[in-house]
Protein backbone atom coordinates (compact mmCIF):
# COMPACT_ATOMS: atom_id res chain seq x y z
CA GLN A 1 85.08 22.47 52.93
CA THR A 2 84.80 26.45 54.23
CA GLU A 3 86.93 28.04 56.64
CA GLU A 4 84.84 30.39 58.67
CA THR A 5 87.06 33.51 59.27
CA THR A 6 85.87 36.41 61.93
CA THR A 7 87.64 39.66 61.53
CA GLU A 8 88.20 41.24 64.82
CA VAL A 9 88.32 45.80 64.94
CA SER A 10 88.28 47.80 68.19
CA ILE A 11 88.35 51.50 68.00
CA ALA A 12 89.11 54.14 70.52
CA VAL A 13 88.11 57.74 69.82
CA LYS A 14 89.46 60.88 70.59
CA LEU A 15 86.28 63.05 72.19
CA GLU A 16 87.53 65.76 69.94
CA SER A 17 86.45 63.18 67.22
CA THR A 18 83.04 64.21 67.20
CA GLU A 19 82.77 63.51 63.18
CA LEU A 20 84.10 59.42 63.48
CA ALA A 21 82.15 59.17 66.39
CA GLN A 22 78.76 59.96 65.09
CA GLN A 23 79.90 57.41 62.32
CA ILE A 24 80.39 55.09 64.49
CA ASN A 25 77.12 55.40 66.36
CA ASP A 26 75.05 55.82 63.06
CA ALA A 27 76.62 52.46 62.13
CA LEU A 28 76.14 51.15 65.48
CA ALA A 29 72.27 52.00 65.14
CA THR A 30 71.69 49.64 62.34
CA ILE A 31 72.22 46.59 64.31
CA SER A 32 69.69 45.22 67.06
CA GLN A 33 71.07 45.51 70.95
CA GLU A 34 70.76 41.46 70.92
CA THR A 35 73.33 41.58 67.86
CA ARG A 36 75.46 44.49 69.21
CA GLU A 37 75.30 41.90 73.13
CA GLN A 38 76.97 39.30 70.70
CA TYR A 39 79.78 41.03 68.91
CA MET A 40 80.69 42.38 72.37
CA ASN A 41 80.56 38.98 74.41
CA GLU A 42 82.95 37.48 71.04
CA ALA A 43 85.34 40.51 71.55
CA ILE A 44 85.75 39.50 75.43
CA VAL A 45 85.83 36.38 74.70
CA SER A 46 88.37 36.74 72.07
CA GLN A 47 90.73 38.72 74.61
CA GLY A 48 91.30 36.20 76.84
CA ASP A 49 92.80 34.12 73.37
CA ASN A 50 95.31 36.54 72.66
CA GLN A 51 96.95 36.80 76.08
């Protein structure tokens, strides 16, 4: 049997942390808009599960 595992990460970046913000934006640029929207929707749904 296999078990699916979901890893969720939330990141808040201060405006002064431009290097980190750029690295995050670079990583986000490697995924499609469709994938990004899917991840955001999954994050929203999982937030409701954790409350």
